[in-house]
C-alpha atoms as a PDB file:
ATOM      1  CA  MET A   1       6.135   3.171 -28.156  1.00  0.00           C
ATOM      2  CA  SER A   2       9.175   3.653 -25.940  1.00  0.00           C
ATOM      3  CA  LYS A   3       9.004   3.778 -22.170  1.00  0.00           C
ATOM      4  CA  GLN A   4       9.813   7.495 -22.158  1.00  0.00           C
ATOM      5  CA  SER A   5       6.988   8.320 -24.570  1.00  0.00           C
ATOM      6  CA  MET A   6       4.571   6.158 -22.540  1.00  0.00           C
ATOM      7  CA  ARG A   7       5.561   8.030 -19.359  1.00  0.00           C
ATOM      8  CA  GLU A   8       5.059  11.395 -21.055  1.00  0.00           C
ATOM      9  CA  GLU A   9       1.654  10.302 -22.371  1.00  0.00           C
ATOM     10  CA  ALA A  10       0.567   9.137 -18.905  1.00  0.00           C
ATOM     11  CA  GLU A  11       1.710  12.401 -17.310  1.00  0.00           C
ATOM     12  CA  ARG A  12      -0.140  14.411 -19.966  1.00  0.00           C
ATOM     13  CA  LEU A  13      -3.348  12.443 -19.386  1.00  0.00           C
ATOM     14  CA  ILE A  14      -3.097  12.876 -15.609  1.00  0.00           C
ATOM     15  CA  ARG A  15      -2.481  16.630 -15.978  1.00  0.00           C
ATOM     16  CA  GLU A  16      -5.487  17.016 -18.294  1.00  0.00           C
ATOM     17  CA  THR A  17      -7.742  15.013 -15.982  1.00  0.00           C
ATOM     18  CA  MET A  18      -6.683  17.002 -12.914  1.00  0.00           C
ATOM     19  CA  GLU A  19      -7.406  20.255 -14.777  1.00  0.00           C
ATOM     20  CA  LYS A  20     -10.939  19.016 -15.459  1.00  0.00           C
ATOM     21  CA  ARG A  21     -11.301  18.134 -11.747  1.00  0.00           C
ATOM     22  CA  ASN A  22     -12.472  14.597 -12.547  1.00  0.00           C
ATOM     23  CA  LEU A  23      -9.616  12.972 -10.661  1.00  0.00           C
ATOM     24  CA  VAL A  24      -9.455  12.960  -6.862  1.00  0.00           C
ATOM     25  CA  VAL A  25      -6.281  11.749  -5.152  1.00  0.00           C
ATOM     26  CA  LYS A  26      -6.995  10.112  -1.793  1.00  0.00           C
ATOM     27  CA  HIS A  27      -4.567   8.870   0.823  1.00  0.00           C
ATOM     28  CA  GLY A  28      -5.752   5.752   2.564  1.00  0.00           C
ATOM     29  CA  ALA A  29      -4.504   2.917   4.725  1.00  0.00           C
ATOM     30  CA  THR A  30      -1.466   0.866   3.725  1.00  0.00           C
ATOM     31  CA  ARG A  31      -1.708  -2.900   3.376  1.00  0.00           C
ATOM     32  CA  ILE A  32       1.218  -4.861   4.832  1.00  0.00           C
ATOM     33  CA  GLU A  33       2.000  -8.503   4.069  1.00  0.00           C
ATOM     34  CA  ALA A  34       3.713  -9.808   7.218  1.00  0.00           C
ATOM     35  CA  VAL A  35       5.095 -13.263   7.961  1.00  0.00           C
ATOM     36  CA  CYS A  36       4.744 -14.689  11.465  1.00  0.00           C
ATOM     37  CA  GLY A  37       8.083 -14.980  13.258  1.00  0.00           C
ATOM     38  CA  LYS A  38       6.970 -18.127  15.074  1.00  0.00           C
ATOM     39  CA  CYS A  39       5.097 -20.301  12.546  1.00  0.00           C
ATOM     40  CA  GLY A  40       5.862 -18.540   9.233  1.00  0.00           C
ATOM     41  CA  ALA A  41       2.211 -18.035   8.257  1.00  0.00           C
ATOM     42  CA  PRO A  42       1.368 -15.051   6.026  1.00  0.00           C
ATOM     43  CA  ASN A  43      -0.730 -12.284   7.608  1.00  0.00           C
ATOM     44  CA  ARG A  44      -2.352  -9.318   5.847  1.00  0.00           C
ATOM     45  CA  LEU A  45      -2.551  -6.136   7.942  1.00  0.00           C
ATOM     46  CA  GLN A  46      -3.676  -2.555   7.456  1.00  0.00           C
ATOM     47  CA  ALA A  47      -1.649   0.378   8.774  1.00  0.00           C
ATOM     48  CA  ASP A  48      -3.063   3.877   9.023  1.00  0.00           C
ATOM     49  CA  ARG A  49      -1.379   6.638   7.079  1.00  0.00           C
ATOM     50  CA  GLY A  50       1.947   7.619   8.681  1.00  0.00           C
ATOM     51  CA  GLU A  51       2.079   4.533  10.911  1.00  0.00           C
ATOM     52  CA  THR A  52       5.228   2.440  10.449  1.00  0.00           C
ATOM     53  CA  ARG A  53       4.931  -0.325  13.061  1.00  0.00           C
ATOM     54  CA  VAL A  54       1.693  -2.234  13.667  1.00  0.00           C
ATOM     55  CA  LYS A  55       0.983  -4.673  16.500  1.00  0.00           C
ATOM     56  CA  TYR A  56      -0.908  -7.785  15.423  1.00  0.00           C
ATOM     57  CA  VAL A  57      -1.749 -11.352  16.409  1.00  0.00           C
ATOM     58  CA  CYS A  58      -0.957 -14.210  14.012  1.00  0.00           C
ATOM     59  CA  LYS A  59      -4.079 -15.759  12.502  1.00  0.00           C
ATOM     60  CA  GLN A  60      -2.617 -19.283  12.652  1.00  0.00           C
ATOM     61  CA  CYS A  61      -0.847 -19.611  16.000  1.00  0.00           C
ATOM     62  CA  GLY A  62      -2.043 -16.532  17.949  1.00  0.00           C
ATOM     63  CA  HIS A  63       1.507 -15.225  18.563  1.00  0.00           C
ATOM     64  CA  LYS A  64       1.478 -11.486  19.466  1.00  0.00           C
ATOM     65  CA  GLN A  65       4.069  -9.457  17.530  1.00  0.00           C
ATOM     66  CA  GLU A  66       4.837  -6.165  15.788  1.00  0.00           C
ATOM     67  CA  THR A  67       5.677  -5.462  12.137  1.00  0.00           C
ATOM     68  CA  LEU A  68       9.013  -4.010  11.078  1.00  0.00           C
END
C-alpha cells in the first residue's frame, strides 16, 4: 500500500465515522516539554488551549521562568 492510498483510506474511515456520529473531536490542553535555562533539567508542562507562553518553576532547581 502506498502512502497516498493509506492517507485516502484513513480519510475515508474518518469521514464514515463522523457521519455515524461515533467520533467526537475534543480540543484539550497542550503538553510542552521544556528544558530549564539554569540547570538543563527537563520539565513537562501543560498549556491551556490558545496559550503560547507558560510561567513555571523548575522541578530540580526551583528557578522561575517562562516557556518560549
